[in-house]
Amino acid sequence: MNNLYLKSFIRCKRKAWLDYKGNKSDKIWSPHQSIEIVNQYKNFYKLSQGDLYAGIKACQKGSNGVIGLKVKSKLINNINAEIYPQLLKKVRGQSKWGEYKYIPVVYKLGYRTTKEHLFDLAFCAILLEPFQGSKIEKGFVISNHSNNINIEKIDLSKRLRKKVLNTFLSLNVNLKGSIPEITEDRKKCTICSWQKFCDAEAKNNGFLTDIDGVGSKTALILKNNGISNIKELATSKKMELGEKLLQFKEQKFEKASKFINQSKAYLSGIPIRIYAKDGLSNFFSKKDSGFLIFDIESNPDEKHDFLYGFLKVNHLFEKIEDSFYDPILNLKKNSKKSYHEIFQKLFYKENWPVLHYGETEKISILNLARQLNLDSQAIEILKSKFIDLHLITREAWILPIKNYSLKTVANWMGFKWKQKNVSGSKALYWWIQYKTTSNSLFLEKIIKYNRDDCLATLHIAKWLINKNENIT
């Protein structure tokens, strides 16, 4: 048993079991984990002031930072335990190596310090103390925002250590047993390398959380009211189900209708048309004009949009040429030259709408416009230009899919990305690789991916228009 299994166990019991006993051929590469590893090393190197080395020899010579160390010991009930600390940071103190000692450090993406971070620090401290012959009172959780390292000191108390040891015993029991059931909180699955393996089983078993909008809390309410799978949800009656969904208050019957129809579509594979609101009508009225398709690639931790992709479309159903796509690279944050080009594109034709999928693009551009002090009239014109196909799709259709992300919707509608297993996380991984190596091959991959995102958005636009014309 090691701290890596412990971290997995805290996140998902099934993940820990699969990490330990699962068939590795069912595991997929996770760009999220790779991004974390790259960012870890960069920040550990910075925190150690460049004095970062690996293994026991680094401890013996007193390096500021130590990575790549493995420590073995026996814990409660004589169970074998191992730790692979992310980083050991040299501090003042006394150890078997001299007048210094090491404390554990973990890196976090984002802003939240979680149970995983705390337990990882405490578990590492428990095994590290006898190894170095020194007491450890504190650990560090570090993060990087706007290129500044933030350090949070964690008190490794007796209470925290006791919780860790109890969890370690539960982990030991878990790994000896049969595979645990799939977690109800499927949101955690999006960055898991076992996601596809679990998705297949969840679909076969009709898991309620595979229905868009049904989270773990709603699934529990449904189960407590006798609805345990998608088939039972699909055959429910709207009024009866609505009375059970009290947490949605005045929207309870609307939610009941949505869940029932989403379940029916999911089981049948047939989309269901719903009431078309203003969004689809507005889009349909502009179908004969030209369009800009717009998609951004970003590094959210650094608040840096590094690529703005534009696809010029003179008519929705014309043949798309390579020259229609125009990427604007924003390699250096806050590049005025890039920003000038971006707004030139957005105002390219006064009456051309800007099609995008999801709220990110509009929010980013409006924030940028305010940052550059564009006048209020220009900002209002920008607001009116943006047409969010994600909102329109959800307003007009219930599709037989698990979620309404660009990848899921466009794939279901028949669009295929040229590069395999791509995602926004993978594009970010390529960006980090480019920043590290200056190899333009990574930029080429990002541009190719962004172009396909633009084409996927166009594909959805065509599908919506075709379906609307067939119905009307």
Protein backbone atom coordinates (compact mmCIF):
# COMPACT_ATOMS: atom_id res chain seq x y z
CA MET A 1 0.00 0.00 0.00
CA ASN A 2 1.34 3.46 -0.83
CA ASN A 3 0.33 7.09 -0.73
CA LEU A 4 -0.68 7.03 -4.42
CA TYR A 5 -3.34 4.37 -3.75
CA LEU A 6 -4.40 6.34 -0.66
CA LYS A 7 -4.98 9.47 -2.76
CA SER A 8 -6.98 7.47 -5.30
CA PHE A 9 -9.01 5.86 -2.51
CA ILE A 10 -9.99 9.25 -1.07
CA ARG A 11 -11.18 10.37 -4.49
CA CYS A 12 -12.86 7.08 -5.47
CA LYS A 13 -12.66 3.60 -3.90
CA ARG A 14 -13.11 2.02 -7.30
CA LYS A 15 -10.20 4.01 -8.77
CA ALA A 16 -7.86 2.79 -6.01
CA TRP A 17 -8.91 -0.82 -6.67
CA LEU A 18 -8.43 -0.43 -10.44
CA ASP A 19 -5.03 1.25 -9.97
CA TYR A 20 -3.99 -1.77 -7.89
CA LYS A 21 -5.70 -4.68 -9.67
CA GLY A 22 -7.18 -3.34 -12.89
CA ASN A 23 -6.16 -4.34 -16.42
CA LYS A 24 -3.80 -1.56 -17.50
CA SER A 25 -4.98 -1.91 -21.13
CA ASP A 26 -8.33 -0.43 -20.01
CA LYS A 27 -6.56 2.68 -18.71
CA ILE A 28 -6.34 5.81 -20.86
CA TRP A 29 -3.70 8.54 -20.81
CA SER A 30 -4.81 11.58 -18.85
CA PRO A 31 -3.56 15.00 -20.05
CA HIS A 32 -4.71 16.44 -16.73
CA GLN A 33 -2.26 14.24 -14.82
CA SER A 34 0.53 15.05 -17.29
CA ILE A 35 -0.11 18.79 -16.91
CA GLU A 36 0.07 18.39 -13.15
CA ILE A 37 3.41 16.54 -13.36
CA VAL A 38 4.94 19.21 -15.61
CA ASN A 39 3.67 22.04 -13.40
CA GLN A 40 4.83 20.20 -10.29
CA TYR A 41 8.41 19.99 -11.46
CA LYS A 42 8.55 23.63 -12.57
CA ASN A 43 7.21 24.85 -9.24
CA PHE A 44 9.31 22.45 -7.16
CA TYR A 45 12.42 23.65 -9.00
CA LYS A 46 11.46 27.25 -8.29
CA LEU A 47 10.65 26.57 -4.61
CA SER A 48 14.00 24.79 -4.19
CA GLN A 49 15.83 27.73 -5.83
CA GLY A 50 17.24 25.38 -8.46
CA ASP A 51 18.79 23.05 -5.88
CA LEU A 52 16.50 20.11 -6.71
CA TYR A 53 17.86 16.56 -6.89
CA ALA A 54 16.57 13.00 -6.68
CA GLY A 55 16.87 10.16 -4.18
CA ILE A 56 18.58 9.41 -0.90
CA LYS A 57 21.89 10.96 -2.00
CA ALA A 58 20.14 14.32 -2.31
CA CYS A 59 19.00 13.99 1.32
CA GLN A 60 22.49 13.09 2.46
CA LYS A 61 24.11 16.09 0.79
CA GLY A 62 21.37 18.46 2.02
CA SER A 63 19.74 19.56 -1.23
CA ASN A 64 17.04 22.23 -0.83
CA GLY A 65 14.54 20.02 -2.62
CA VAL A 66 14.37 16.23 -3.01
CA ILE A 67 12.21 14.30 -5.48
CA GLY A 68 12.16 10.67 -6.63
CA LEU A 69 12.49 9.20 -3.14
CA LYS A 70 10.81 5.98 -1.99
CA VAL A 71 10.45 5.15 1.70
CA LYS A 72 9.20 1.77 2.99
CA SER A 73 7.96 0.84 6.45
CA LYS A 74 5.38 -1.23 8.33
CA LEU A 75 2.33 0.38 9.89
CA ILE A 76 -0.69 -0.83 11.88
CA ASN A 77 -1.22 -4.60 11.90
CA ASN A 78 2.21 -5.02 10.34
CA ILE A 79 0.94 -3.85 6.93
CA ASN A 80 3.64 -2.91 4.41
CA ALA A 81 3.49 0.76 3.45
CA GLU A 82 5.39 2.94 0.98
CA ILE A 83 5.53 6.63 0.19
CA TYR A 84 6.65 8.47 -2.92
CA PRO A 85 6.69 12.09 -1.67
CA GLN A 86 6.08 14.65 -4.41
CA LEU A 87 8.75 16.88 -2.83
CA LEU A 88 10.78 17.05 0.37
CA LYS A 89 11.73 20.60 1.35
CA LYS A 90 14.81 21.25 3.47
CA VAL A 91 14.15 23.25 6.64
CA ARG A 92 15.96 24.00 9.90
CA GLY A 93 16.07 21.16 12.38
CA GLN A 94 17.96 18.02 13.33
CA SER A 95 17.99 14.72 11.45
CA LYS A 96 20.30 11.76 10.93
CA TRP A 97 21.97 13.74 8.14
CA GLY A 98 22.88 16.80 10.18
CA GLU A 99 21.45 20.13 11.32
CA TYR A 100 18.55 20.12 8.88
CA LYS A 101 15.50 18.02 8.15
CA TYR A 102 12.87 17.58 5.46
CA ILE A 103 9.14 18.23 5.39
CA PRO A 104 6.68 16.97 2.73
CA VAL A 105 5.29 19.28 0.04
CA VAL A 106 2.41 18.64 -2.38
CA TYR A 107 1.33 20.66 -5.41
CA LYS A 108 -2.27 21.52 -6.23
CA LEU A 109 -3.93 22.66 -9.44
CA GLY A 110 -6.63 25.26 -8.84
CA TYR A 111 -7.49 27.02 -5.61
CA ARG A 112 -9.00 24.35 -3.33
CA THR A 113 -6.98 22.43 -0.76
CA THR A 114 -8.67 19.05 -0.49
CA LYS A 115 -8.66 16.02 1.78
CA GLU A 116 -6.33 14.34 -0.73
CA HIS A 117 -3.67 17.01 -0.17
CA LEU A 118 -3.94 16.88 3.63
CA PHE A 119 -3.90 13.08 3.85
CA ASP A 120 -0.99 12.80 1.42
CA LEU A 121 1.09 15.18 3.57
CA ALA A 122 0.20 13.43 6.83
CA PHE A 123 0.80 9.91 5.45
CA CYS A 124 4.20 10.95 4.07
CA ALA A 125 5.10 12.54 7.43
CA ILE A 126 4.22 9.34 9.33
CA LEU A 127 6.71 7.26 7.31
CA LEU A 128 9.29 10.01 6.86
CA GLU A 129 9.77 10.71 10.58
CA PRO A 130 11.47 7.39 11.49
CA PHE A 131 13.30 7.39 8.16
CA GLN A 132 15.07 10.69 8.83
CA GLY A 133 15.01 10.51 12.64
CA SER A 134 13.17 13.78 13.08
CA LYS A 135 9.70 14.98 14.03
CA ILE A 136 7.60 16.70 11.35
CA GLU A 137 5.07 19.26 12.54
CA LYS A 138 4.19 20.99 9.27
CA GLY A 139 3.76 20.31 5.56
CA PHE A 140 3.29 22.63 2.60
CA VAL A 141 0.60 22.76 -0.08
CA ILE A 142 1.84 24.93 -2.93
CA SER A 143 0.10 26.35 -6.00
CA ASN A 144 0.95 28.80 -8.75
CA HIS A 145 -1.27 31.67 -9.81
CA SER A 146 -0.08 34.49 -12.07
CA ASN A 147 3.44 33.01 -11.91
CA ASN A 148 3.60 33.42 -8.14
CA ILE A 149 4.11 30.43 -5.84
CA ASN A 150 1.57 30.38 -3.04
CA ILE A 151 2.50 28.39 0.07
CA GLU A 152 -0.08 27.08 2.54
CA LYS A 153 1.29 25.66 5.79
CA ILE A 154 -0.58 22.61 7.08
CA ASP A 155 -0.49 21.49 10.70
CA LEU A 156 0.06 17.71 10.69
CA SER A 157 -1.84 17.13 13.93
CA LYS A 158 -2.45 13.90 15.84
CA ARG A 159 -6.10 14.05 14.83
CA LEU A 160 -5.24 14.28 11.13
CA ARG A 161 -2.74 11.41 11.45
CA LYS A 162 -5.32 9.23 13.19
CA LYS A 163 -7.80 9.84 10.35
CA VAL A 164 -5.12 8.93 7.81
CA LEU A 165 -4.27 5.66 9.55
CA ASN A 166 -7.95 4.69 9.76
CA THR A 167 -8.34 5.43 6.05
CA PHE A 168 -5.20 3.40 5.35
CA LEU A 169 -6.80 0.39 7.09
CA SER A 170 -9.97 0.87 5.02
CA LEU A 171 -7.82 1.03 1.88
CA ASN A 172 -6.17 -2.25 2.79
CA VAL A 173 -9.57 -3.95 3.15
CA ASN A 174 -10.78 -2.36 -0.11
CA LEU A 175 -7.83 -3.65 -2.14
CA LYS A 176 -8.30 -7.20 -0.86
CA GLY A 177 -11.97 -7.30 -1.83
CA SER A 178 -13.85 -7.35 -5.13
CA ILE A 179 -14.17 -4.31 -7.37
CA PRO A 180 -16.26 -1.53 -5.73
CA GLU A 181 -19.35 -0.12 -7.40
CA ILE A 182 -19.09 2.93 -9.63
CA THR A 183 -19.26 6.17 -7.67
CA GLU A 184 -22.51 8.12 -7.84
CA ASP A 185 -20.56 11.39 -8.09
CA ARG A 186 -19.62 11.03 -11.77
CA LYS A 187 -18.27 14.60 -12.00
CA LYS A 188 -15.00 13.28 -10.58
CA CYS A 189 -14.73 10.86 -13.49
CA THR A 190 -13.95 13.50 -16.13
CA ILE A 191 -10.21 13.52 -15.36
CA CYS A 192 -9.89 9.85 -14.40
CA SER A 193 -7.83 7.49 -16.55
CA TRP A 194 -10.41 4.73 -15.94
CA GLN A 195 -13.35 6.83 -17.18
CA LYS A 196 -14.09 4.87 -20.38
CA PHE A 197 -13.92 1.56 -18.52
CA CYS A 198 -16.47 2.73 -15.94
CA ASP A 199 -18.64 4.54 -18.52
CA ALA A 200 -19.26 1.30 -20.40
CA GLU A 201 -20.44 -0.46 -17.23
CA ALA A 202 -22.54 2.53 -16.13
CA LYS A 203 -24.37 2.61 -19.46
CA ASN A 204 -25.07 -1.14 -19.34
CA ASN A 205 -26.48 -0.79 -15.82
CA GLY A 206 -28.54 2.34 -16.54
CA PHE A 207 -26.89 4.56 -13.96
CA LEU A 208 -29.06 7.59 -13.16
CA THR A 209 -26.06 9.92 -13.06
CA ASP A 210 -25.53 9.26 -16.77
CA ILE A 211 -28.57 11.47 -17.36
CA ASP A 212 -27.68 15.11 -17.95
CA GLY A 213 -28.58 17.20 -14.90
CA VAL A 214 -28.84 14.26 -12.49
CA GLY A 215 -26.06 14.49 -9.92
CA SER A 216 -25.40 12.28 -6.93
CA LYS A 217 -27.88 14.14 -4.67
CA THR A 218 -30.73 13.98 -7.19
CA ALA A 219 -29.93 10.31 -7.91
CA LEU A 220 -30.20 9.54 -4.18
CA ILE A 221 -33.60 11.27 -3.98
CA LEU A 222 -34.81 9.28 -6.97
CA LYS A 223 -33.58 6.00 -5.47
CA ASN A 224 -35.27 6.80 -2.16
CA ASN A 225 -38.49 7.16 -4.14
CA GLY A 226 -38.19 3.84 -5.93
CA ILE A 227 -36.44 4.97 -9.14
CA SER A 228 -33.15 3.10 -9.34
CA ASN A 229 -32.18 3.22 -13.03
CA ILE A 230 -32.72 5.07 -16.32
CA LYS A 231 -35.50 2.73 -17.54
CA GLU A 232 -37.54 3.40 -14.40
CA LEU A 233 -36.93 7.14 -14.77
CA ALA A 234 -38.03 7.09 -18.42
CA THR A 235 -41.38 5.46 -17.50
CA SER A 236 -42.09 7.86 -14.63
CA LYS A 237 -45.05 10.26 -14.74
CA LYS A 238 -44.23 13.96 -14.82
CA MET A 239 -46.58 15.09 -12.03
CA GLU A 240 -45.66 12.24 -9.68
CA LEU A 241 -41.94 12.73 -10.26
CA GLY A 242 -42.19 16.50 -9.87
CA GLU A 243 -43.67 16.10 -6.39
CA LYS A 244 -40.56 14.15 -5.40
CA LEU A 245 -38.11 16.80 -6.65
CA LEU A 246 -38.80 19.38 -3.96
CA GLN A 247 -35.21 20.69 -4.03
CA PHE A 248 -35.93 22.32 -7.42
CA LYS A 249 -38.85 24.30 -5.89
CA GLU A 250 -40.93 26.05 -8.61
CA GLN A 251 -38.92 24.28 -11.34
CA LYS A 252 -39.70 20.78 -10.04
CA PHE A 253 -42.17 19.84 -12.81
CA GLU A 254 -39.99 21.35 -15.52
CA LYS A 255 -37.04 19.32 -14.19
CA ALA A 256 -39.18 16.18 -13.98
CA SER A 257 -40.19 16.56 -17.65
CA LYS A 258 -36.55 17.14 -18.67
CA PHE A 259 -35.24 14.10 -16.77
CA ILE A 260 -37.96 11.85 -18.21
CA ASN A 261 -37.40 13.01 -21.79
CA GLN A 262 -33.62 12.87 -21.44
CA SER A 263 -33.95 9.27 -20.23
CA LYS A 264 -36.24 8.36 -23.14
CA ALA A 265 -33.84 9.88 -25.67
CA TYR A 266 -30.83 8.21 -24.02
CA LEU A 267 -32.48 4.76 -24.19
CA SER A 268 -33.93 5.09 -27.70
CA GLY A 269 -31.07 6.96 -29.36
CA ILE A 270 -33.66 9.34 -30.86
CA PRO A 271 -33.46 13.11 -30.18
CA ILE A 272 -36.55 14.91 -28.90
CA ARG A 273 -37.49 18.38 -30.16
CA ILE A 274 -38.58 20.77 -27.43
CA TYR A 275 -40.01 24.29 -27.42
CA ALA A 276 -37.83 26.60 -29.54
CA LYS A 277 -37.12 29.80 -27.66
CA ASP A 278 -35.77 33.09 -28.99
CA GLY A 279 -32.21 31.79 -29.42
CA LEU A 280 -32.98 29.38 -32.26
CA SER A 281 -35.35 31.84 -33.96
CA ASN A 282 -32.70 34.56 -33.85
CA PHE A 283 -30.06 32.19 -35.23
CA PHE A 284 -32.40 30.92 -37.97
CA SER A 285 -33.18 34.50 -39.07
CA LYS A 286 -29.45 35.11 -39.68
CA LYS A 287 -28.71 31.83 -41.45
CA ASP A 288 -28.25 33.43 -44.88
CA SER A 289 -25.63 35.96 -43.77
CA GLY A 290 -21.94 35.29 -43.31
CA PHE A 291 -20.56 34.05 -39.98
CA LEU A 292 -17.46 34.00 -37.87
CA ILE A 293 -16.93 30.76 -35.96
CA PHE A 294 -14.86 31.51 -32.86
CA ASP A 295 -13.01 29.25 -30.42
CA ILE A 296 -10.38 30.01 -27.74
CA GLU A 297 -7.63 27.84 -26.20
CA SER A 298 -6.67 28.88 -22.68
CA ASN A 299 -4.44 28.27 -19.68
CA PRO A 300 -6.93 28.97 -16.85
CA ASP A 301 -4.33 28.82 -14.06
CA GLU A 302 -2.40 31.68 -15.65
CA LYS A 303 -5.53 33.39 -17.03
CA HIS A 304 -3.91 33.37 -20.46
CA ASP A 305 -5.84 32.83 -23.70
CA PHE A 306 -3.01 31.70 -25.97
CA LEU A 307 -4.96 31.02 -29.18
CA TYR A 308 -7.96 32.73 -30.75
CA GLY A 309 -9.30 30.70 -33.67
CA PHE A 310 -11.52 32.30 -36.36
CA LEU A 311 -13.29 30.54 -39.20
CA LYS A 312 -14.76 32.89 -41.84
CA VAL A 313 -17.88 31.42 -43.45
CA ASN A 314 -19.56 33.43 -46.21
CA HIS A 315 -22.50 31.04 -46.31
CA LEU A 316 -23.38 28.29 -43.86
CA PHE A 317 -23.33 25.50 -46.45
CA GLU A 318 -20.41 26.55 -48.64
CA LYS A 319 -17.34 24.32 -49.00
CA ILE A 320 -14.79 25.26 -46.34
CA GLU A 321 -11.31 26.05 -47.64
CA ASP A 322 -8.11 26.05 -45.57
CA SER A 323 -7.77 29.80 -46.07
CA PHE A 324 -11.06 30.41 -44.24
CA TYR A 325 -9.45 29.51 -40.90
CA ASP A 326 -7.30 32.18 -39.30
CA PRO A 327 -5.65 31.49 -35.91
CA ILE A 328 -4.28 34.37 -33.86
CA LEU A 329 -1.56 33.23 -31.48
CA ASN A 330 -1.21 35.23 -28.29
CA LEU A 331 2.13 33.74 -27.22
CA LYS A 332 2.86 36.47 -24.69
CA LYS A 333 0.14 37.39 -22.24
CA ASN A 334 -1.38 40.85 -22.80
CA SER A 335 0.05 41.26 -26.32
CA LYS A 336 -1.47 44.49 -27.70
CA LYS A 337 -0.66 43.43 -31.28
CA SER A 338 -2.67 40.20 -30.85
CA TYR A 339 -5.56 42.04 -29.22
CA HIS A 340 -5.71 44.55 -32.09
CA GLU A 341 -5.93 41.68 -34.60
CA ILE A 342 -8.66 39.97 -32.57
CA PHE A 343 -10.97 42.99 -32.57
CA GLN A 344 -10.29 43.60 -36.24
CA LYS A 345 -11.60 40.09 -36.90
CA LEU A 346 -14.64 40.47 -34.64
CA PHE A 347 -15.67 43.68 -36.38
CA TYR A 348 -14.71 42.31 -39.82
CA LYS A 349 -18.29 42.57 -41.09
CA GLU A 350 -20.82 44.64 -39.16
CA ASN A 351 -23.74 42.27 -39.72
CA TRP A 352 -21.84 39.00 -39.27
CA PRO A 353 -22.74 37.07 -36.11
CA VAL A 354 -20.03 35.28 -34.10
CA LEU A 355 -20.93 31.64 -33.48
CA HIS A 356 -19.32 29.91 -30.50
CA TYR A 357 -20.05 26.93 -28.26
CA GLY A 358 -20.25 27.69 -24.53
CA GLU A 359 -19.94 30.92 -22.61
CA THR A 360 -16.12 31.08 -22.40
CA GLU A 361 -15.51 32.93 -25.67
CA LYS A 362 -18.04 35.70 -25.06
CA ILE A 363 -16.95 36.26 -21.46
CA SER A 364 -13.28 36.37 -22.46
CA ILE A 365 -13.82 38.90 -25.27
CA LEU A 366 -16.05 41.20 -23.20
CA ASN A 367 -13.51 41.17 -20.36
CA LEU A 368 -10.78 41.96 -22.88
CA ALA A 369 -12.86 44.81 -24.36
CA ARG A 370 -13.30 46.37 -20.90
CA GLN A 371 -9.61 45.87 -20.15
CA LEU A 372 -8.74 47.81 -23.33
CA ASN A 373 -11.30 50.53 -22.45
CA LEU A 374 -13.49 50.06 -25.53
CA ASP A 375 -16.45 52.44 -25.43
CA SER A 376 -19.84 51.22 -24.24
CA GLN A 377 -21.35 51.30 -27.74
CA ALA A 378 -18.64 48.97 -29.10
CA ILE A 379 -19.16 46.60 -26.17
CA GLU A 380 -22.93 46.50 -26.79
CA ILE A 381 -22.31 45.72 -30.48
CA LEU A 382 -19.99 42.88 -29.42
CA LYS A 383 -22.60 41.48 -27.04
CA SER A 384 -25.21 41.40 -29.80
CA LYS A 385 -22.87 39.60 -32.21
CA PHE A 386 -22.31 36.47 -30.11
CA ILE A 387 -24.56 33.46 -30.66
CA ASP A 388 -23.99 30.57 -28.23
CA LEU A 389 -24.84 27.29 -29.98
CA HIS A 390 -24.55 25.42 -26.69
CA LEU A 391 -27.52 27.35 -25.26
CA ILE A 392 -29.49 27.04 -28.51
CA THR A 393 -28.92 23.27 -28.69
CA ARG A 394 -30.12 22.78 -25.12
CA GLU A 395 -33.12 25.08 -25.65
CA ALA A 396 -34.32 23.30 -28.78
CA TRP A 397 -33.32 19.64 -28.40
CA ILE A 398 -32.94 16.79 -25.95
CA LEU A 399 -30.22 14.64 -27.47
CA PRO A 400 -29.52 10.96 -26.63
CA ILE A 401 -26.19 11.76 -24.98
CA LYS A 402 -24.64 11.88 -21.54
CA ASN A 403 -23.67 15.57 -21.60
CA TYR A 404 -23.78 18.57 -23.94
CA SER A 405 -20.08 19.35 -24.32
CA LEU A 406 -18.80 20.33 -27.77
CA LYS A 407 -17.05 16.95 -28.18
CA THR A 408 -20.07 14.89 -27.14
CA VAL A 409 -22.61 16.81 -29.22
CA ALA A 410 -20.49 17.12 -32.38
CA ASN A 411 -19.41 13.47 -32.22
CA TRP A 412 -23.03 12.36 -31.92
CA MET A 413 -23.89 14.53 -34.95
CA GLY A 414 -21.19 12.76 -36.97
CA PHE A 415 -18.20 15.09 -36.74
CA LYS A 416 -14.73 13.56 -36.24
CA TRP A 417 -11.60 15.31 -35.01
CA LYS A 418 -8.54 14.56 -37.15
CA GLN A 419 -6.32 13.98 -34.12
CA LYS A 420 -7.32 11.12 -31.83
CA ASN A 421 -8.40 11.50 -28.18
CA VAL A 422 -8.11 15.30 -28.23
CA SER A 423 -9.52 17.67 -25.64
CA GLY A 424 -9.03 21.12 -24.16
CA SER A 425 -6.81 19.53 -21.51
CA LYS A 426 -4.63 17.94 -24.18
CA ALA A 427 -4.32 21.29 -25.99
CA LEU A 428 -3.22 22.84 -22.70
CA TYR A 429 -0.69 20.04 -22.25
CA TRP A 430 0.70 20.79 -25.72
CA TRP A 431 0.88 24.48 -24.80
CA ILE A 432 2.87 23.72 -21.65
CA GLN A 433 5.15 21.48 -23.71
CA TYR A 434 5.67 24.30 -26.23
CA LYS A 435 6.49 26.77 -23.42
CA THR A 436 9.02 24.30 -22.05
CA THR A 437 10.67 23.21 -25.31
CA SER A 438 9.89 26.01 -27.85
CA ASN A 439 9.14 23.18 -30.31
CA SER A 440 6.72 24.56 -32.91
CA LEU A 441 5.32 21.05 -33.48
CA PHE A 442 3.21 21.53 -30.33
CA LEU A 443 1.80 24.80 -31.69
CA GLU A 444 0.90 23.03 -34.92
CA LYS A 445 -1.03 20.40 -32.95
CA ILE A 446 -2.90 23.10 -31.01
CA ILE A 447 -3.81 24.99 -34.19
CA LYS A 448 -4.99 21.81 -35.90
CA TYR A 449 -7.11 20.97 -32.86
CA ASN A 450 -8.60 24.49 -32.64
CA ARG A 451 -9.47 24.44 -36.35
CA ASP A 452 -11.37 21.20 -35.79
CA ASP A 453 -13.17 22.77 -32.81
CA CYS A 454 -14.29 25.59 -35.13
CA LEU A 455 -15.39 23.07 -37.77
CA ALA A 456 -17.24 21.06 -35.10
CA THR A 457 -19.10 24.24 -34.07
CA LEU A 458 -19.99 24.83 -37.72
CA HIS A 459 -21.16 21.20 -38.00
CA ILE A 460 -23.56 21.75 -35.06
CA ALA A 461 -24.83 24.99 -36.65
CA LYS A 462 -25.61 23.13 -39.89
CA TRP A 463 -27.38 20.35 -38.02
CA LEU A 464 -29.58 22.85 -36.13
CA ILE A 465 -30.51 24.70 -39.32
CA ASN A 466 -31.24 21.48 -41.26
CA LYS A 467 -33.43 20.10 -38.47
CA ASN A 468 -35.28 23.39 -38.08
CA GLU A 469 -35.99 23.61 -41.83
CA ASN A 470 -37.18 19.98 -41.96
CA ILE A 471 -39.62 20.61 -39.12
CA THR A 472 -40.89 23.96 -40.33
